C-alpha atoms as a PDB file:
ATOM      1  CA  MET A   1       0.000   0.000   0.000  1.00  0.00           C
ATOM      2  CA  SER A   2       1.443   3.325  -1.007  1.00  0.00           C
ATOM      3  CA  THR A   3       1.939   6.034   1.597  1.00  0.00           C
ATOM      4  CA  GLY A   4       2.959   8.741  -0.892  1.00  0.00           C
ATOM      5  CA  PHE A   5       2.164  12.348  -0.232  1.00  0.00           C
ATOM      6  CA  ALA A   6      -0.525  13.032  -2.806  1.00  0.00           C
ATOM      7  CA  LEU A   7      -2.903  15.853  -1.942  1.00  0.00           C
ATOM      8  CA  THR A   8      -5.321  13.590  -0.081  1.00  0.00           C
ATOM      9  CA  PRO A   9      -7.754  14.744   2.638  1.00  0.00           C
ATOM     10  CA  ALA A  10      -5.253  13.793   5.367  1.00  0.00           C
ATOM     11  CA  VAL A  11      -2.489  15.771   3.667  1.00  0.00           C
ATOM     12  CA  ARG A  12      -4.743  18.812   3.247  1.00  0.00           C
ATOM     13  CA  MET A  13      -5.716  18.594   6.915  1.00  0.00           C
ATOM     14  CA  GLY A  14      -2.081  18.265   7.958  1.00  0.00           C
ATOM     15  CA  LEU A  15      -1.017  21.250   5.862  1.00  0.00           C
ATOM     16  CA  SER A  16      -3.794  23.506   7.176  1.00  0.00           C
ATOM     17  CA  ILE A  17      -3.002  22.527  10.773  1.00  0.00           C
ATOM     18  CA  SER A  18       0.698  23.152  10.123  1.00  0.00           C
ATOM     19  CA  VAL A  19       0.080  26.721   8.980  1.00  0.00           C
ATOM     20  CA  ALA A  20      -2.367  27.538  11.788  1.00  0.00           C
ATOM     21  CA  THR A  21      -0.102  26.084  14.485  1.00  0.00           C
ATOM     22  CA  GLY A  22       3.162  27.327  13.007  1.00  0.00           C
ATOM     23  CA  LEU A  23       1.986  30.919  13.239  1.00  0.00           C
ATOM     24  CA  TYR A  24       1.952  30.592  17.035  1.00  0.00           C
ATOM     25  CA  GLY A  25       5.732  30.343  16.781  1.00  0.00           C
ATOM     26  CA  ILE A  26       5.866  34.103  16.219  1.00  0.00           C
ATOM     27  CA  SER A  27       4.327  34.658  19.634  1.00  0.00           C
ATOM     28  CA  PHE A  28       6.638  32.144  21.255  1.00  0.00           C
ATOM     29  CA  GLY A  29       9.788  33.643  19.737  1.00  0.00           C
ATOM     30  CA  ALA A  30       8.858  37.177  20.762  1.00  0.00           C
ATOM     31  CA  LEU A  31       7.814  36.137  24.270  1.00  0.00           C
ATOM     32  CA  ALA A  32      10.916  34.009  24.768  1.00  0.00           C
ATOM     33  CA  VAL A  33      13.305  36.914  24.201  1.00  0.00           C
ATOM     34  CA  ALA A  34      10.993  39.154  26.234  1.00  0.00           C
ATOM     35  CA  ALA A  35      11.417  36.684  29.102  1.00  0.00           C
ATOM     36  CA  GLY A  36      15.181  37.109  28.901  1.00  0.00           C
ATOM     37  CA  LEU A  37      16.228  34.276  26.579  1.00  0.00           C
ATOM     38  CA  HIS A  38      18.664  34.809  23.718  1.00  0.00           C
ATOM     39  CA  VAL A  39      17.474  34.236  20.164  1.00  0.00           C
ATOM     40  CA  TRP A  40      19.468  31.004  19.926  1.00  0.00           C
ATOM     41  CA  GLN A  41      17.924  29.754  23.176  1.00  0.00           C
ATOM     42  CA  ALA A  42      14.423  30.360  21.814  1.00  0.00           C
ATOM     43  CA  LEU A  43      15.372  28.451  18.665  1.00  0.00           C
ATOM     44  CA  ALA A  44      16.831  25.589  20.709  1.00  0.00           C
ATOM     45  CA  LEU A  45      13.613  25.269  22.720  1.00  0.00           C
ATOM     46  CA  SER A  46      11.506  25.087  19.565  1.00  0.00           C
ATOM     47  CA  ALA A  47      13.814  22.593  17.873  1.00  0.00           C
ATOM     48  CA  LEU A  48      14.504  20.318  20.837  1.00  0.00           C
ATOM     49  CA  MET A  49      11.509  20.649  23.176  1.00  0.00           C
ATOM     50  CA  PHE A  50       9.014  21.128  20.319  1.00  0.00           C
ATOM     51  CA  THR A  51       5.739  21.120  22.211  1.00  0.00           C
ATOM     52  CA  GLY A  52       3.986  24.464  22.353  1.00  0.00           C
ATOM     53  CA  GLY A  53       2.237  24.179  25.720  1.00  0.00           C
ATOM     54  CA  SER A  54       5.444  23.137  27.475  1.00  0.00           C
ATOM     55  CA  GLN A  55       7.413  25.897  25.786  1.00  0.00           C
ATOM     56  CA  PHE A  56       4.961  28.602  26.844  1.00  0.00           C
ATOM     57  CA  ALA A  57       4.892  27.188  30.371  1.00  0.00           C
ATOM     58  CA  PHE A  58       8.703  27.251  30.470  1.00  0.00           C
ATOM     59  CA  ILE A  59       9.034  30.900  29.463  1.00  0.00           C
ATOM     60  CA  GLY A  60       6.051  31.837  31.639  1.00  0.00           C
ATOM     61  CA  VAL A  61       7.920  30.624  34.720  1.00  0.00           C
ATOM     62  CA  ILE A  62      11.144  32.304  33.593  1.00  0.00           C
ATOM     63  CA  ALA A  63       9.321  35.582  32.889  1.00  0.00           C
ATOM     64  CA  GLY A  64       7.808  35.439  36.380  1.00  0.00           C
ATOM     65  CA  GLY A  65      11.245  35.194  37.961  1.00  0.00           C
ATOM     66  CA  GLY A  66      11.109  31.452  38.656  1.00  0.00           C
ATOM     67  CA  ALA A  67      14.141  29.201  38.813  1.00  0.00           C
ATOM     68  CA  GLY A  68      15.239  27.160  35.821  1.00  0.00           C
ATOM     69  CA  SER A  69      14.432  23.939  37.673  1.00  0.00           C
ATOM     70  CA  ALA A  70      10.846  25.099  38.250  1.00  0.00           C
ATOM     71  CA  ALA A  71      10.522  26.033  34.565  1.00  0.00           C
ATOM     72  CA  VAL A  72      11.804  22.614  33.499  1.00  0.00           C
ATOM     73  CA  GLY A  73       9.453  20.910  35.958  1.00  0.00           C
ATOM     74  CA  ALA A  74       6.410  22.772  34.661  1.00  0.00           C
ATOM     75  CA  ALA A  75       7.336  22.068  31.035  1.00  0.00           C
ATOM     76  CA  THR A  76       7.962  18.398  31.772  1.00  0.00           C
ATOM     77  CA  LEU A  77       4.620  17.886  33.503  1.00  0.00           C
ATOM     78  CA  LEU A  78       2.780  19.405  30.558  1.00  0.00           C
ATOM     79  CA  GLY A  79       4.807  17.288  28.141  1.00  0.00           C
ATOM     80  CA  VAL A  80       3.812  13.985  29.743  1.00  0.00           C
ATOM     81  CA  ARG A  81       0.782  13.842  27.456  1.00  0.00           C
ATOM     82  CA  ASN A  82       3.120  13.377  24.496  1.00  0.00           C
ATOM     83  CA  ALA A  83       4.279  10.072  25.979  1.00  0.00           C
ATOM     84  CA  VAL A  84       0.669   8.897  25.923  1.00  0.00           C
ATOM     85  CA  TYR A  85       0.352  10.057  22.312  1.00  0.00           C
ATOM     86  CA  GLY A  86       3.600   8.250  21.538  1.00  0.00           C
ATOM     87  CA  MET A  87       2.257   4.890  22.676  1.00  0.00           C
ATOM     88  CA  GLN A  88      -0.871   5.431  20.602  1.00  0.00           C
ATOM     89  CA  MET A  89       1.071   6.486  17.487  1.00  0.00           C
ATOM     90  CA  ASN A  90       3.544   3.623  17.828  1.00  0.00           C
ATOM     91  CA  ARG A  91       0.659   1.169  17.808  1.00  0.00           C
ATOM     92  CA  LEU A  92      -1.121   2.984  14.978  1.00  0.00           C
ATOM     93  CA  LEU A  93       1.784   3.708  12.630  1.00  0.00           C
ATOM     94  CA  GLN A  94       4.319   1.030  13.624  1.00  0.00           C
ATOM     95  CA  PRO A  95       7.394   3.020  12.481  1.00  0.00           C
ATOM     96  CA  ARG A  96      10.687   1.171  12.061  1.00  0.00           C
ATOM     97  CA  GLY A  97      14.355   2.126  12.325  1.00  0.00           C
ATOM     98  CA  TRP A  98      15.220   5.834  12.192  1.00  0.00           C
ATOM     99  CA  ARG A  99      11.590   6.693  11.463  1.00  0.00           C
ATOM    100  CA  LYS A 100      10.687   5.556  14.977  1.00  0.00           C
ATOM    101  CA  TRP A 101      13.058   8.129  16.522  1.00  0.00           C
ATOM    102  CA  LEU A 102      11.828  10.856  14.179  1.00  0.00           C
ATOM    103  CA  ALA A 103       8.183   9.968  14.833  1.00  0.00           C
ATOM    104  CA  ALA A 104       8.797  10.216  18.583  1.00  0.00           C
ATOM    105  CA  HIS A 105      10.064  13.788  18.180  1.00  0.00           C
ATOM    106  CA  LEU A 106       7.195  14.769  15.889  1.00  0.00           C
ATOM    107  CA  THR A 107       4.477  13.315  18.121  1.00  0.00           C
ATOM    108  CA  ILE A 108       2.515  16.340  19.324  1.00  0.00           C
ATOM    109  CA  ASP A 109      -1.162  17.248  19.705  1.00  0.00           C
ATOM    110  CA  GLU A 110      -1.554  18.165  16.035  1.00  0.00           C
ATOM    111  CA  SER A 111       0.174  15.195  14.412  1.00  0.00           C
ATOM    112  CA  ALA A 112      -1.521  12.712  16.741  1.00  0.00           C
ATOM    113  CA  ALA A 113      -4.949  14.265  16.148  1.00  0.00           C
ATOM    114  CA  THR A 114      -4.494  14.323  12.361  1.00  0.00           C
ATOM    115  CA  ALA A 115      -3.459  10.662  12.269  1.00  0.00           C
ATOM    116  CA  SER A 116      -6.170   9.533  14.689  1.00  0.00           C
ATOM    117  CA  GLY A 117      -8.836  11.281  12.634  1.00  0.00           C
ATOM    118  CA  GLN A 118      -8.219   9.003   9.623  1.00  0.00           C
ATOM    119  CA  LEU A 119      -9.731   5.575   9.032  1.00  0.00           C
ATOM    120  CA  ASP A 120      -7.425   4.337   6.293  1.00  0.00           C
ATOM    121  CA  ALA A 121      -3.934   3.165   7.362  1.00  0.00           C
ATOM    122  CA  ALA A 122      -2.187   4.989   4.512  1.00  0.00           C
ATOM    123  CA  GLU A 123      -4.061   8.189   5.336  1.00  0.00           C
ATOM    124  CA  GLN A 124      -3.027   7.865   8.969  1.00  0.00           C
ATOM    125  CA  GLN A 125       0.593   7.756   7.847  1.00  0.00           C
ATOM    126  CA  ARG A 126       0.168  10.727   5.521  1.00  0.00           C
ATOM    127  CA  GLY A 127      -1.688  12.767   8.110  1.00  0.00           C
ATOM    128  CA  PHE A 128       0.861  12.158  10.852  1.00  0.00           C
ATOM    129  CA  TRP A 129       3.946  12.943   8.787  1.00  0.00           C
ATOM    130  CA  THR A 130       2.413  15.932   7.007  1.00  0.00           C
ATOM    131  CA  ALA A 131       1.270  17.540  10.246  1.00  0.00           C
ATOM    132  CA  GLY A 132       4.393  16.570  12.202  1.00  0.00           C
ATOM    133  CA  VAL A 133       6.954  17.749   9.657  1.00  0.00           C
ATOM    134  CA  GLY A 134       4.858  20.748   8.612  1.00  0.00           C
ATOM    135  CA  VAL A 135       4.384  22.047  12.147  1.00  0.00           C
ATOM    136  CA  PHE A 136       8.058  21.457  12.979  1.00  0.00           C
ATOM    137  CA  VAL A 137       9.318  23.423   9.967  1.00  0.00           C
ATOM    138  CA  LEU A 138       6.881  26.320  10.312  1.00  0.00           C
ATOM    139  CA  TRP A 139       7.034  26.477  14.123  1.00  0.00           C
ATOM    140  CA  ASN A 140      10.805  26.832  14.041  1.00  0.00           C
ATOM    141  CA  ALA A 141      10.780  29.289  11.138  1.00  0.00           C
ATOM    142  CA  PHE A 142       8.221  31.532  12.833  1.00  0.00           C
ATOM    143  CA  THR A 143      10.019  31.204  16.166  1.00  0.00           C
ATOM    144  CA  LEU A 144      13.047  32.794  14.499  1.00  0.00           C
ATOM    145  CA  CYS A 145      10.883  35.579  13.056  1.00  0.00           C
ATOM    146  CA  GLY A 146       9.259  36.242  16.418  1.00  0.00           C
ATOM    147  CA  ALA A 147      12.560  36.137  18.303  1.00  0.00           C
ATOM    148  CA  LEU A 148      14.161  38.653  15.943  1.00  0.00           C
ATOM    149  CA  LEU A 149      11.072  40.861  16.133  1.00  0.00           C
ATOM    150  CA  GLY A 150      10.895  40.618  19.921  1.00  0.00           C
ATOM    151  CA  ASP A 151      14.614  41.339  20.241  1.00  0.00           C
ATOM    152  CA  ALA A 152      14.113  44.530  18.252  1.00  0.00           C
ATOM    153  CA  LEU A 153      11.231  45.721  20.463  1.00  0.00           C
ATOM    154  CA  GLY A 154      13.434  46.399  23.480  1.00  0.00           C
ATOM    155  CA  ASP A 155      11.878  46.545  26.961  1.00  0.00           C
ATOM    156  CA  PRO A 156       9.042  43.966  27.038  1.00  0.00           C
ATOM    157  CA  ARG A 157       7.120  45.951  29.666  1.00  0.00           C
ATOM    158  CA  GLN A 158       6.795  48.848  27.216  1.00  0.00           C
ATOM    159  CA  TRP A 159       4.658  46.621  24.967  1.00  0.00           C
ATOM    160  CA  GLY A 160       2.990  44.494  27.629  1.00  0.00           C
ATOM    161  CA  LEU A 161       4.921  41.386  26.599  1.00  0.00           C
ATOM    162  CA  ASP A 162       5.945  40.611  30.168  1.00  0.00           C
ATOM    163  CA  GLY A 163       2.454  39.212  30.812  1.00  0.00           C
ATOM    164  CA  ALA A 164       1.687  37.900  27.357  1.00  0.00           C
ATOM    165  CA  ALA A 165       3.160  34.424  27.873  1.00  0.00           C
ATOM    166  CA  VAL A 166       0.284  33.561  30.208  1.00  0.00           C
ATOM    167  CA  ALA A 167      -2.245  34.903  27.689  1.00  0.00           C
ATOM    168  CA  ALA A 168      -0.684  32.897  24.865  1.00  0.00           C
ATOM    169  CA  PHE A 169      -0.736  29.731  26.951  1.00  0.00           C
ATOM    170  CA  LEU A 170      -4.395  30.303  27.800  1.00  0.00           C
ATOM    171  CA  GLY A 171      -5.057  30.762  24.083  1.00  0.00           C
ATOM    172  CA  LEU A 172      -3.707  27.265  23.454  1.00  0.00           C
ATOM    173  CA  LEU A 173      -5.580  25.798  26.420  1.00  0.00           C
ATOM    174  CA  TRP A 174      -9.015  27.346  25.931  1.00  0.00           C
ATOM    175  CA  PRO A 175     -10.143  25.330  22.834  1.00  0.00           C
ATOM    176  CA  ARG A 176      -9.562  22.105  24.817  1.00  0.00           C
ATOM    177  CA  LEU A 177     -12.001  23.094  27.576  1.00  0.00           C
ATOM    178  CA  GLN A 178     -15.144  21.747  25.939  1.00  0.00           C
ATOM    179  CA  GLN A 179     -16.547  19.592  28.735  1.00  0.00           C
ATOM    180  CA  ARG A 180     -17.519  20.300  32.319  1.00  0.00           C
ATOM    181  CA  GLU A 181     -14.811  18.193  33.959  1.00  0.00           C
ATOM    182  CA  PRO A 182     -11.834  19.902  32.216  1.00  0.00           C
ATOM    183  CA  VAL A 183     -13.376  23.305  32.998  1.00  0.00           C
ATOM    184  CA  ALA A 184     -13.827  22.367  36.668  1.00  0.00           C
ATOM    185  CA  LEU A 185     -10.258  21.098  36.862  1.00  0.00           C
ATOM    186  CA  ALA A 186      -8.922  24.252  35.198  1.00  0.00           C
ATOM    187  CA  VAL A 187     -10.835  26.436  37.666  1.00  0.00           C
ATOM    188  CA  LEU A 188      -9.587  24.406  40.638  1.00  0.00           C
ATOM    189  CA  CYS A 189      -5.967  24.587  39.468  1.00  0.00           C
ATOM    190  CA  GLY A 190      -6.342  28.316  38.845  1.00  0.00           C
ATOM    191  CA  VAL A 191      -7.622  28.878  42.384  1.00  0.00           C
ATOM    192  CA  VAL A 192      -4.805  26.767  43.853  1.00  0.00           C
ATOM    193  CA  THR A 193      -2.243  28.743  41.842  1.00  0.00           C
ATOM    194  CA  ALA A 194      -3.719  32.098  42.900  1.00  0.00           C
ATOM    195  CA  LEU A 195      -3.651  31.094  46.573  1.00  0.00           C
ATOM    196  CA  ALA A 196      -0.092  29.760  46.309  1.00  0.00           C
ATOM    197  CA  VAL A 197       1.446  32.760  44.515  1.00  0.00           C
ATOM    198  CA  PRO A 198       1.852  34.918  47.677  1.00  0.00           C
ATOM    199  CA  LEU A 199       3.222  31.973  49.669  1.00  0.00           C
ATOM    200  CA  LEU A 200       5.633  30.166  47.338  1.00  0.00           C
ATOM    201  CA  PRO A 201       8.640  31.230  45.229  1.00  0.00           C
ATOM    202  CA  PRO A 202       7.992  31.967  41.514  1.00  0.00           C
ATOM    203  CA  GLY A 203       7.569  28.810  39.467  1.00  0.00           C
ATOM    204  CA  LEU A 204       6.368  26.581  42.294  1.00  0.00           C
ATOM    205  CA  PRO A 205       2.649  27.520  42.206  1.00  0.00           C
ATOM    206  CA  ILE A 206       2.271  26.057  38.709  1.00  0.00           C
ATOM    207  CA  LEU A 207       3.936  22.838  39.891  1.00  0.00           C
ATOM    208  CA  LEU A 208       1.489  22.676  42.792  1.00  0.00           C
ATOM    209  CA  ALA A 209      -1.393  23.134  40.348  1.00  0.00           C
ATOM    210  CA  ALA A 210       0.024  20.327  38.190  1.00  0.00           C
ATOM    211  CA  LEU A 211       0.150  18.098  41.265  1.00  0.00           C
ATOM    212  CA  VAL A 212      -3.512  18.862  41.909  1.00  0.00           C
ATOM    213  CA  GLY A 213      -4.314  17.939  38.300  1.00  0.00           C
ATOM    214  CA  ALA A 214      -2.349  14.690  38.551  1.00  0.00           C
ATOM    215  CA  THR A 215      -4.127  13.799  41.798  1.00  0.00           C
ATOM    216  CA  TRP A 216      -7.480  14.477  40.174  1.00  0.00           C
ATOM    217  CA  GLY A 217      -6.556  12.207  37.256  1.00  0.00           C
ATOM    218  CA  TRP A 218      -5.397   9.421  39.582  1.00  0.00           C
ATOM    219  CA  TRP A 219      -8.571   9.665  41.665  1.00  0.00           C
ATOM    220  CA  ARG A 220     -10.793   9.609  38.580  1.00  0.00           C
ATOM    221  CA  SER A 221      -8.950   6.625  37.098  1.00  0.00           C
ATOM    222  CA  ALA A 222      -9.197   4.713  40.383  1.00  0.00           C
ATOM    223  CA  ARG A 223     -12.901   5.501  40.634  1.00  0.00           C
ATOM    224  CA  LEU A 224     -13.566   4.298  37.067  1.00  0.00           C
ATOM    225  CA  GLN A 225     -11.714   1.052  37.771  1.00  0.00           C
ATOM    226  CA  GLN A 226     -13.713   0.571  40.960  1.00  0.00           C
ATOM    227  CA  ASP A 227     -16.982   1.194  39.132  1.00  0.00           C
ATOM    228  CA  GLY A 228     -15.911  -1.263  36.427  1.00  0.00           C
ATOM    229  CA  ARG A 229     -15.240  -3.999  38.962  1.00  0.00           C
ATOM    230  CA  ALA A 230     -18.562  -3.285  40.689  1.00  0.00           C
ATOM    231  CA  ALA A 231     -20.409  -3.662  37.403  1.00  0.00           C
END
């Protein structure tokens, strides 16, 4: 079965998602240098970390004066979801050799969603690789544009960029809050963070909120298993 890159529905979906997501790289690049990172550091984050939510969380902690360890911790907790996607994509696509390593790096929300939305095996392959490679190329290209633009703006407080990392992260999060449980969890974590900000050093409140989210997930999973056994 051919897995060529003809302009199939999966390829068109992957390309459109690549453009829409890649444009967020401008915001990340500008906000990264506004948070105090060098242009090359912003580029390294996009090339090596390559997961938008984690990247915005990282620079959000740095911009707030948090320690590097707290920034890494927050980014890592948000990136755990990619490991779950990775197991799903490995089972779905069954990559071999060097493609397995490349697929692991390109497994993000967009590539996983594009592949999972296809019924045909060849289309799943096309959707994953189109979205994964497309987002990677455009995200990194626009990160460079944003970093150079942000570097030229000077003092981030003059333009309000010192608080924009949080707004950008919320922009990525908001479309995912489509059911009552995620909304309730987001509200709870927000309240915990707000209460912890005056009491804890910068960077730690978001880790506390992540711990609350993880506890919620563990409790819900345990409850579902218990209900399943009872049935």
